[in-house]
PDB file of all heavy atoms in Angstrom:
ATOM      1  N   ASP A   1      95.282  86.665 103.183  1.00  0.00           N
ATOM      2  CA  ASP A   1      94.615  86.609 104.584  1.00  0.00           C
ATOM      3  C   ASP A   1      93.155  86.933 104.316  1.00  0.00           C
ATOM      4  O   ASP A   1      92.749  88.174 104.562  1.00  0.00           O
ATOM      5  CB  ASP A   1      95.330  87.464 105.564  1.00  0.00           C
ATOM      6  CG  ASP A   1      94.561  87.364 106.960  1.00  0.00           C
ATOM      7  OD1 ASP A   1      93.937  86.446 107.189  1.00  0.00           O
ATOM      8  OD2 ASP A   1      94.924  88.301 107.759  1.00  0.00           O
ATOM      9  N   LEU A   2      92.359  85.960 103.861  1.00  0.00           N
ATOM     10  CA  LEU A   2      90.957  86.268 103.566  1.00  0.00           C
ATOM     11  C   LEU A   2      90.116  85.261 104.389  1.00  0.00           C
ATOM     12  O   LEU A   2      90.370  84.017 104.512  1.00  0.00           O
ATOM     13  CB  LEU A   2      90.677  86.109 102.081  1.00  0.00           C
ATOM     14  CG  LEU A   2      91.312  87.149 101.238  1.00  0.00           C
ATOM     15  CD1 LEU A   2      91.232  86.712  99.747  1.00  0.00           C
ATOM     16  CD2 LEU A   2      90.632  88.434 101.318  1.00  0.00           C
ATOM     17  N   LYS A   3      88.975  85.692 104.894  1.00  0.00           N
ATOM     18  CA  LYS A   3      88.077  84.792 105.545  1.00  0.00           C
ATOM     19  C   LYS A   3      87.354  83.728 104.801  1.00  0.00           C
ATOM     20  O   LYS A   3      87.138  83.991 103.632  1.00  0.00           O
ATOM     21  CB  LYS A   3      86.967  85.715 106.312  1.00  0.00           C
ATOM     22  CG  LYS A   3      87.661  86.647 107.378  1.00  0.00           C
ATOM     23  CD  LYS A   3      86.444  87.463 108.048  1.00  0.00           C
ATOM     24  CE  LYS A   3      87.037  88.436 109.073  1.00  0.00           C
ATOM     25  NZ  LYS A   3      85.987  89.153 109.695  1.00  0.00           N
ATOM     26  N   ALA A   4      87.098  82.624 105.401  1.00  0.00           N
ATOM     27  CA  ALA A   4      86.343  81.551 104.677  1.00  0.00           C
ATOM     28  C   ALA A   4      84.945  81.941 104.520  1.00  0.00           C
ATOM     29  O   ALA A   4      84.388  82.883 105.203  1.00  0.00           O
ATOM     30  CB  ALA A   4      86.429  80.269 105.515  1.00  0.00           C
ATOM     31  N   ASN A   5      84.228  81.482 103.443  1.00  0.00           N
ATOM     32  CA  ASN A   5      82.881  81.723 103.115  1.00  0.00           C
ATOM     33  C   ASN A   5      82.606  83.219 102.860  1.00  0.00           C
ATOM     34  O   ASN A   5      81.460  83.579 103.210  1.00  0.00           O
ATOM     35  CB  ASN A   5      82.038  81.218 104.287  1.00  0.00           C
ATOM     36  CG  ASN A   5      82.170  79.770 104.528  1.00  0.00           C
ATOM     37  OD1 ASN A   5      82.297  78.864 103.632  1.00  0.00           O
ATOM     38  ND2 ASN A   5      82.262  79.390 105.766  1.00  0.00           N
ATOM     39  N   LEU A   6      83.472  83.896 102.307  1.00  0.00           N
ATOM     40  CA  LEU A   6      83.484  85.351 102.258  1.00  0.00           C
ATOM     41  C   LEU A   6      82.704  85.838 100.876  1.00  0.00           C
ATOM     42  O   LEU A   6      81.976  86.889 100.925  1.00  0.00           O
ATOM     43  CB  LEU A   6      84.772  86.014 102.363  1.00  0.00           C
ATOM     44  CG  LEU A   6      84.905  87.478 102.211  1.00  0.00           C
ATOM     45  CD1 LEU A   6      84.053  88.066 103.436  1.00  0.00           C
ATOM     46  CD2 LEU A   6      86.362  87.941 102.334  1.00  0.00           C
ATOM     47  N   PHE A   7      83.050  85.178  99.767  1.00  0.00           N
ATOM     48  CA  PHE A   7      82.623  85.662  98.461  1.00  0.00           C
ATOM     49  C   PHE A   7      81.517  84.899  97.833  1.00  0.00           C
ATOM     50  O   PHE A   7      81.355  83.757  97.897  1.00  0.00           O
ATOM     51  CB  PHE A   7      83.930  85.529  97.551  1.00  0.00           C
ATOM     52  CG  PHE A   7      85.042  86.405  98.035  1.00  0.00           C
ATOM     53  CD1 PHE A   7      86.133  85.842  98.687  1.00  0.00           C
ATOM     54  CD2 PHE A   7      85.031  87.875  97.803  1.00  0.00           C
ATOM     55  CE1 PHE A   7      87.203  86.608  99.058  1.00  0.00           C
ATOM     56  CE2 PHE A   7      86.068  88.660  98.130  1.00  0.00           C
ATOM     57  CZ  PHE A   7      87.203  87.945  98.731  1.00  0.00           C
ATOM     58  N   ASP A   8      80.713  85.843  97.185  1.00  0.00           N
ATOM     59  CA  ASP A   8      79.469  85.239  96.481  1.00  0.00           C
ATOM     60  C   ASP A   8      79.951  84.716  95.097  1.00  0.00           C
ATOM     61  O   ASP A   8      79.263  83.894  94.626  1.00  0.00           O
ATOM     62  CB  ASP A   8      78.316  86.330  96.312  1.00  0.00           C
ATOM     63  CG  ASP A   8      77.948  86.905  97.751  1.00  0.00           C
ATOM     64  OD1 ASP A   8      77.346  86.133  98.458  1.00  0.00           O
ATOM     65  OD2 ASP A   8      78.250  88.069  97.930  1.00  0.00           O
ATOM     66  N   ARG A   9      80.835  85.325  94.463  1.00  0.00           N
ATOM     67  CA  ARG A   9      81.409  84.941  93.168  1.00  0.00           C
ATOM     68  C   ARG A   9      82.874  85.033  93.262  1.00  0.00           C
ATOM     69  O   ARG A   9      83.518  85.913  93.665  1.00  0.00           O
ATOM     70  CB  ARG A   9      80.884  85.921  92.123  1.00  0.00           C
ATOM     71  CG  ARG A   9      79.305  85.894  91.972  1.00  0.00           C
ATOM     72  CD  ARG A   9      78.832  84.713  91.315  1.00  0.00           C
ATOM     73  NE  ARG A   9      77.372  84.699  90.966  1.00  0.00           N
ATOM     74  CZ  ARG A   9      76.509  84.353  91.803  1.00  0.00           C
ATOM     75  NH1 ARG A   9      76.798  83.932  93.059  1.00  0.00           N
ATOM     76  NH2 ARG A   9      75.203  84.464  91.412  1.00  0.00           N
ATOM     77  N   ILE A  10      83.431  84.075  92.591  1.00  0.00           N
ATOM     78  CA  ILE A  10      84.948  83.986  92.298  1.00  0.00           C
ATOM     79  C   ILE A  10      85.233  83.710  90.912  1.00  0.00           C
ATOM     80  O   ILE A  10      84.660  82.770  90.348  1.00  0.00           O
ATOM     81  CB  ILE A  10      85.648  82.991  93.170  1.00  0.00           C
ATOM     82  CG1 ILE A  10      85.472  83.245  94.759  1.00  0.00           C
ATOM     83  CG2 ILE A  10      87.137  82.831  92.960  1.00  0.00           C
ATOM     84  CD1 ILE A  10      85.860  82.143  95.623  1.00  0.00           C
ATOM     85  N   PHE A  11      86.062  84.625  90.315  1.00  0.00           N
ATOM     86  CA  PHE A  11      86.453  84.465  88.885  1.00  0.00           C
ATOM     87  C   PHE A  11      87.945  84.118  88.853  1.00  0.00           C
ATOM     88  O   PHE A  11      88.768  84.655  89.454  1.00  0.00           O
ATOM     89  CB  PHE A  11      86.259  85.684  88.127  1.00  0.00           C
ATOM     90  CG  PHE A  11      84.756  86.184  88.058  1.00  0.00           C
ATOM     91  CD1 PHE A  11      84.218  87.004  89.024  1.00  0.00           C
ATOM     92  CD2 PHE A  11      84.030  85.869  86.864  1.00  0.00           C
ATOM     93  CE1 PHE A  11      82.845  87.331  88.909  1.00  0.00           C
ATOM     94  CE2 PHE A  11      82.770  86.357  86.770  1.00  0.00           C
ATOM     95  CZ  PHE A  11      82.081  87.062  87.807  1.00  0.00           C
ATOM     96  N   ALA A  12      88.242  83.182  87.950  1.00  0.00           N
ATOM     97  CA  ALA A  12      89.669  82.972  87.570  1.00  0.00           C
ATOM     98  C   ALA A  12      89.663  82.786  86.000  1.00  0.00           C
ATOM     99  O   ALA A  12      89.354  81.744  85.495  1.00  0.00           O
ATOM    100  CB  ALA A  12      90.241  81.766  88.225  1.00  0.00           C
ATOM    101  N   ILE A  13      89.947  83.821  85.258  1.00  0.00           N
ATOM    102  CA  ILE A  13      89.841  83.869  83.830  1.00  0.00           C
ATOM    103  C   ILE A  13      91.285  83.633  83.179  1.00  0.00           C
ATOM    104  O   ILE A  13      92.082  84.472  83.299  1.00  0.00           O
ATOM    105  CB  ILE A  13      89.275  85.230  83.312  1.00  0.00           C
ATOM    106  CG1 ILE A  13      87.999  85.514  84.007  1.00  0.00           C
ATOM    107  CG2 ILE A  13      89.060  85.162  81.802  1.00  0.00           C
ATOM    108  CD1 ILE A  13      86.933  84.413  83.906  1.00  0.00           C
ATOM    109  N   SER A  14      91.403  82.326  82.599  1.00  0.00           N
ATOM    110  CA  SER A  14      92.606  81.923  82.076  1.00  0.00           C
ATOM    111  C   SER A  14      93.822  82.175  83.021  1.00  0.00           C
ATOM    112  O   SER A  14      94.838  82.904  82.642  1.00  0.00           O
ATOM    113  CB  SER A  14      92.930  82.669  80.763  1.00  0.00           C
ATOM    114  OG  SER A  14      92.126  82.069  79.724  1.00  0.00           O
ATOM    115  N   VAL A  15      93.753  81.602  84.209  1.00  0.00           N
ATOM    116  CA  VAL A  15      94.785  81.769  85.218  1.00  0.00           C
ATOM    117  C   VAL A  15      95.477  80.466  85.573  1.00  0.00           C
ATOM    118  O   VAL A  15      96.688  80.252  85.608  1.00  0.00           O
ATOM    119  CB  VAL A  15      94.232  82.420  86.532  1.00  0.00           C
ATOM    120  CG1 VAL A  15      95.219  82.308  87.630  1.00  0.00           C
ATOM    121  CG2 VAL A  15      93.666  83.811  86.267  1.00  0.00           C
ATOM    122  N   LEU A  16      94.695  79.466  85.679  1.00  0.00           N
ATOM    123  CA  LEU A  16      95.134  78.110  86.250  1.00  0.00           C
ATOM    124  C   LEU A  16      96.160  77.409  85.423  1.00  0.00           C
ATOM    125  O   LEU A  16      97.088  76.675  85.796  1.00  0.00           O
ATOM    126  CB  LEU A  16      93.980  77.253  86.555  1.00  0.00           C
ATOM    127  CG  LEU A  16      93.106  77.804  87.697  1.00  0.00           C
ATOM    128  CD1 LEU A  16      91.808  76.800  87.748  1.00  0.00           C
ATOM    129  CD2 LEU A  16      93.736  77.883  89.033  1.00  0.00           C
ATOM    130  N   GLU A  17      96.071  77.619  84.130  1.00  0.00           N
ATOM    131  CA  GLU A  17      97.063  76.849  83.235  1.00  0.00           C
ATOM    132  C   GLU A  17      98.393  77.591  83.223  1.00  0.00           C
ATOM    133  O   GLU A  17      99.353  76.969  82.753  1.00  0.00           O
ATOM    134  CB  GLU A  17      96.513  77.064  81.699  1.00  0.00           C
ATOM    135  CG  GLU A  17      96.505  78.440  81.107  1.00  0.00           C
ATOM    136  CD  GLU A  17      95.196  79.248  81.322  1.00  0.00           C
ATOM    137  OE1 GLU A  17      94.422  78.752  82.235  1.00  0.00           O
ATOM    138  OE2 GLU A  17      95.044  80.232  80.739  1.00  0.00           O
ATOM    139  N   HIS A  18      98.625  78.651  83.909  1.00  0.00           N
ATOM    140  CA  HIS A  18      99.884  79.384  83.920  1.00  0.00           C
ATOM    141  C   HIS A  18     100.769  78.880  85.227  1.00  0.00           C
ATOM    142  O   HIS A  18     101.867  79.252  85.289  1.00  0.00           O
ATOM    143  CB  HIS A  18      99.721  80.855  84.104  1.00  0.00           C
ATOM    144  CG  HIS A  18      99.062  81.562  82.884  1.00  0.00           C
ATOM    145  ND1 HIS A  18      99.474  81.350  81.661  1.00  0.00           N
ATOM    146  CD2 HIS A  18      97.846  82.221  82.820  1.00  0.00           C
ATOM    147  CE1 HIS A  18      98.693  81.986  80.778  1.00  0.00           C
ATOM    148  NE2 HIS A  18      97.698  82.480  81.465  1.00  0.00           N
ATOM    149  N   VAL A  19     100.232  78.030  86.047  1.00  0.00           N
ATOM    150  CA  VAL A  19     100.865  77.407  87.166  1.00  0.00           C
ATOM    151  C   VAL A  19     100.895  75.906  87.016  1.00  0.00           C
ATOM    152  O   VAL A  19     100.254  75.301  86.205  1.00  0.00           O
ATOM    153  CB  VAL A  19     100.252  77.835  88.493  1.00  0.00           C
ATOM    154  CG1 VAL A  19     100.277  79.253  88.643  1.00  0.00           C
ATOM    155  CG2 VAL A  19      98.882  77.314  88.570  1.00  0.00           C
ATOM    156  N   ASP A  20     101.724  75.242  87.726  1.00  0.00           N
ATOM    157  CA  ASP A  20     101.764  73.777  87.633  1.00  0.00           C
ATOM    158  C   ASP A  20     100.562  73.185  88.268  1.00  0.00           C
ATOM    159  O   ASP A  20      99.788  73.852  88.981  1.00  0.00           O
ATOM    160  CB  ASP A  20     103.092  73.231  88.314  1.00  0.00           C
ATOM    161  CG  ASP A  20     103.275  73.451  89.709  1.00  0.00           C
ATOM    162  OD1 ASP A  20     102.261  73.632  90.479  1.00  0.00           O
ATOM    163  OD2 ASP A  20     104.450  73.655  90.192  1.00  0.00           O
ATOM    164  N   GLN A  21     100.354  71.899  88.056  1.00  0.00           N
ATOM    165  CA  GLN A  21      99.200  71.237  88.471  1.00  0.00           C
ATOM    166  C   GLN A  21      99.034  71.260  90.048  1.00  0.00           C
ATOM    167  O   GLN A  21      97.869  71.643  90.444  1.00  0.00           O
ATOM    168  CB  GLN A  21      99.245  69.756  88.066  1.00  0.00           C
ATOM    169  CG  GLN A  21      98.029  68.937  88.378  1.00  0.00           C
ATOM    170  CD  GLN A  21      96.778  69.247  87.538  1.00  0.00           C
ATOM    171  OE1 GLN A  21      96.985  69.649  86.373  1.00  0.00           O
ATOM    172  NE2 GLN A  21      95.501  69.145  88.086  1.00  0.00           N
ATOM    173  N   SER A  22      99.983  71.122  90.859  1.00  0.00           N
ATOM    174  CA  SER A  22      99.868  71.031  92.276  1.00  0.00           C
ATOM    175  C   SER A  22      99.334  72.452  92.731  1.00  0.00           C
ATOM    176  O   SER A  22      98.607  72.526  93.725  1.00  0.00           O
ATOM    177  CB  SER A  22     101.163  70.651  92.865  1.00  0.00           C
ATOM    178  OG  SER A  22     102.140  71.519  92.608  1.00  0.00           O
ATOM    179  N   GLU A  23      99.970  73.586  92.173  1.00  0.00           N
ATOM    180  CA  GLU A  23      99.606  74.871  92.605  1.00  0.00           C
ATOM    181  C   GLU A  23      98.122  75.233  92.131  1.00  0.00           C
ATOM    182  O   GLU A  23      97.369  75.793  92.850  1.00  0.00           O
ATOM    183  CB  GLU A  23     100.565  75.947  92.136  1.00  0.00           C
ATOM    184  CG  GLU A  23     100.177  77.320  92.580  1.00  0.00           C
ATOM    185  CD  GLU A  23     101.283  78.305  92.305  1.00  0.00           C
ATOM    186  OE1 GLU A  23     102.258  78.027  91.703  1.00  0.00           O
ATOM    187  OE2 GLU A  23     100.993  79.579  92.721  1.00  0.00           O
ATOM    188  N   ALA A  24      97.785  74.798  90.948  1.00  0.00           N
ATOM    189  CA  ALA A  24      96.431  74.986  90.509  1.00  0.00           C
ATOM    190  C   ALA A  24      95.363  74.333  91.386  1.00  0.00           C
ATOM    191  O   ALA A  24      94.437  74.854  91.709  1.00  0.00           O
ATOM    192  CB  ALA A  24      96.232  74.466  88.999  1.00  0.00           C
ATOM    193  N   GLU A  25      95.716  73.072  91.860  1.00  0.00           N
ATOM    194  CA  GLU A  25      94.858  72.419  92.728  1.00  0.00           C
ATOM    195  C   GLU A  25      94.771  73.145  94.113  1.00  0.00           C
ATOM    196  O   GLU A  25      93.592  73.202  94.717  1.00  0.00           O
ATOM    197  CB  GLU A  25      95.365  71.021  93.015  1.00  0.00           C
ATOM    198  CG  GLU A  25      95.163  70.066  91.747  1.00  0.00           C
ATOM    199  CD  GLU A  25      95.831  68.687  91.887  1.00  0.00           C
ATOM    200  OE1 GLU A  25      96.219  68.359  92.967  1.00  0.00           O
ATOM    201  OE2 GLU A  25      95.821  68.020  90.822  1.00  0.00           O
ATOM    202  N   LEU A  26      95.899  73.680  94.589  1.00  0.00           N
ATOM    203  CA  LEU A  26      95.824  74.326  95.811  1.00  0.00           C
ATOM    204  C   LEU A  26      95.063  75.656  95.668  1.00  0.00           C
ATOM    205  O   LEU A  26      94.175  76.033  96.636  1.00  0.00           O
ATOM    206  CB  LEU A  26      97.246  74.735  96.175  1.00  0.00           C
ATOM    207  CG  LEU A  26      97.422  75.442  97.589  1.00  0.00           C
ATOM    208  CD1 LEU A  26      96.737  74.719  98.689  1.00  0.00           C
ATOM    209  CD2 LEU A  26      98.895  75.743  97.873  1.00  0.00           C
ATOM    210  N   MET A  27      95.048  76.355  94.543  1.00  0.00           N
ATOM    211  CA  MET A  27      94.370  77.529  94.328  1.00  0.00           C
ATOM    212  C   MET A  27      92.837  77.183  94.204  1.00  0.00           C
ATOM    213  O   MET A  27      92.113  77.980  94.884  1.00  0.00           O
ATOM    214  CB  MET A  27      94.738  78.203  92.977  1.00  0.00           C
ATOM    215  CG  MET A  27      96.204  78.780  93.005  1.00  0.00           C
ATOM    216  SD  MET A  27      96.691  79.365  91.340  1.00  0.00           S
ATOM    217  CE  MET A  27      95.571  80.835  91.122  1.00  0.00           C
ATOM    218  N   VAL A  28      92.407  76.098  93.591  1.00  0.00           N
ATOM    219  CA  VAL A  28      91.121  75.880  93.583  1.00  0.00           C
ATOM    220  C   VAL A  28      90.517  75.393  94.912  1.00  0.00           C
ATOM    221  O   VAL A  28      89.465  75.753  95.378  1.00  0.00           O
ATOM    222  CB  VAL A  28      90.784  74.687  92.567  1.00  0.00           C
ATOM    223  CG1 VAL A  28      89.293  74.186  92.615  1.00  0.00           C
ATOM    224  CG2 VAL A  28      91.025  75.149  91.188  1.00  0.00           C
ATOM    225  N   ASP A  29      91.379  74.631  95.747  1.00  0.00           N
ATOM    226  CA  ASP A  29      90.956  74.405  97.087  1.00  0.00           C
ATOM    227  C   ASP A  29      90.762  75.649  97.935  1.00  0.00           C
ATOM    228  O   ASP A  29      89.809  75.784  98.677  1.00  0.00           O
ATOM    229  CB  ASP A  29      92.134  73.572  97.803  1.00  0.00           C
ATOM    230  CG  ASP A  29      92.270  72.147  97.272  1.00  0.00           C
ATOM    231  OD1 ASP A  29      91.298  71.737  96.434  1.00  0.00           O
ATOM    232  OD2 ASP A  29      93.309  71.548  97.586  1.00  0.00           O
ATOM    233  N   THR A  30      91.586  76.671  97.703  1.00  0.00           N
ATOM    234  CA  THR A  30      91.464  77.942  98.316  1.00  0.00           C
ATOM    235  C   THR A  30      90.153  78.661  97.982  1.00  0.00           C
ATOM    236  O   THR A  30      89.434  79.212  98.863  1.00  0.00           O
ATOM    237  CB  THR A  30      92.719  78.842  98.261  1.00  0.00           C
ATOM    238  OG1 THR A  30      93.895  78.125  98.488  1.00  0.00           O
ATOM    239  CG2 THR A  30      92.661  80.113  98.915  1.00  0.00           C
ATOM    240  N   MET A  31      89.887  78.690  96.729  1.00  0.00           N
ATOM    241  CA  MET A  31      88.708  79.193  96.135  1.00  0.00           C
ATOM    242  C   MET A  31      87.427  78.662  96.815  1.00  0.00           C
ATOM    243  O   MET A  31      86.515  79.371  97.288  1.00  0.00           O
ATOM    244  CB  MET A  31      88.569  79.011  94.702  1.00  0.00           C
ATOM    245  CG  MET A  31      89.552  79.913  93.848  1.00  0.00           C
ATOM    246  SD  MET A  31      89.304  79.528  92.081  1.00  0.00           S
ATOM    247  CE  MET A  31      90.987  79.788  91.464  1.00  0.00           C
ATOM    248  N   CYS A  32      87.546  77.286  96.999  1.00  0.00           N
ATOM    249  CA  CYS A  32      86.366  76.630  97.614  1.00  0.00           C
ATOM    250  C   CYS A  32      86.150  77.061  99.064  1.00  0.00           C
ATOM    251  O   CYS A  32      85.101  77.201  99.656  1.00  0.00           O
ATOM    252  CB  CYS A  32      86.516  75.141  97.536  1.00  0.00           C
ATOM    253  SG  CYS A  32      86.586  74.485  95.769  1.00  0.00           S
ATOM    254  N   ARG A  33      87.288  77.265  99.780  1.00  0.00           N
ATOM    255  CA  ARG A  33      87.303  77.696 101.218  1.00  0.00           C
ATOM    256  C   ARG A  33      86.636  79.051 101.316  1.00  0.00           C
ATOM    257  O   ARG A  33      85.905  79.332 102.155  1.00  0.00           O
ATOM    258  CB  ARG A  33      88.584  77.612 101.704  1.00  0.00           C
ATOM    259  CG  ARG A  33      88.630  78.002 103.202  1.00  0.00           C
ATOM    260  CD  ARG A  33      90.025  77.950 103.858  1.00  0.00           C
ATOM    261  NE  ARG A  33      91.046  78.717 103.044  1.00  0.00           N
ATOM    262  CZ  ARG A  33      91.147  80.005 103.432  1.00  0.00           C
ATOM    263  NH1 ARG A  33      90.424  80.659 104.376  1.00  0.00           N
ATOM    264  NH2 ARG A  33      92.183  80.712 102.777  1.00  0.00           N
ATOM    265  N   LEU A  34      87.053  79.934 100.282  1.00  0.00           N
ATOM    266  CA  LEU A  34      86.665  81.345 100.429  1.00  0.00           C
ATOM    267  C   LEU A  34      85.242  81.569  99.910  1.00  0.00           C
ATOM    268  O   LEU A  34      84.577  82.611 100.227  1.00  0.00           O
ATOM    269  CB  LEU A  34      87.609  82.190  99.573  1.00  0.00           C
ATOM    270  CG  LEU A  34      89.070  82.236 100.009  1.00  0.00           C
ATOM    271  CD1 LEU A  34      89.896  83.053  99.061  1.00  0.00           C
ATOM    272  CD2 LEU A  34      89.111  82.829 101.442  1.00  0.00           C
ATOM    273  N   LEU A  35      84.637  80.628  99.191  1.00  0.00           N
ATOM    274  CA  LEU A  35      83.399  80.796  98.540  1.00  0.00           C
ATOM    275  C   LEU A  35      82.214  80.679  99.636  1.00  0.00           C
ATOM    276  O   LEU A  35      82.215  79.649 100.385  1.00  0.00           O
ATOM    277  CB  LEU A  35      83.140  79.685  97.436  1.00  0.00           C
ATOM    278  CG  LEU A  35      81.900  79.912  96.540  1.00  0.00           C
ATOM    279  CD1 LEU A  35      81.876  81.119  95.708  1.00  0.00           C
ATOM    280  CD2 LEU A  35      81.751  78.664  95.664  1.00  0.00           C
ATOM    281  N   ALA A  36      81.263  81.491  99.542  1.00  0.00           N
ATOM    282  CA  ALA A  36      80.168  81.400 100.485  1.00  0.00           C
ATOM    283  C   ALA A  36      79.149  80.413 100.019  1.00  0.00           C
ATOM    284  O   ALA A  36      79.067  80.051  98.884  1.00  0.00           O
ATOM    285  CB  ALA A  36      79.479  82.780 100.450  1.00  0.00           C
ATOM    286  N   PRO A  37      78.554  79.646 100.997  1.00  0.00           N
ATOM    287  CA  PRO A  37      77.482  78.761 100.593  1.00  0.00           C
ATOM    288  C   PRO A  37      76.558  79.278  99.697  1.00  0.00           C
ATOM    289  O   PRO A  37      75.966  80.377  99.750  1.00  0.00           O
ATOM    290  CB  PRO A  37      76.827  78.398 101.946  1.00  0.00           C
ATOM    291  CG  PRO A  37      77.811  78.672 102.903  1.00  0.00           C
ATOM    292  CD  PRO A  37      78.552  79.846 102.430  1.00  0.00           C
TER     293      PRO A  37
END
C-alpha cells in the first residue's frame, strides 16, 4: 500500500530473474507507478 509518484529512486538488485516473466512485468509496472516524475 504505497502512494503513486512517491519515490525518487527505486532499486531492484538481482530480483526480477527470480520470478516468472508475468510477475516481473507486474513488478516493473508497479515501480513505474511508484516512481516520482
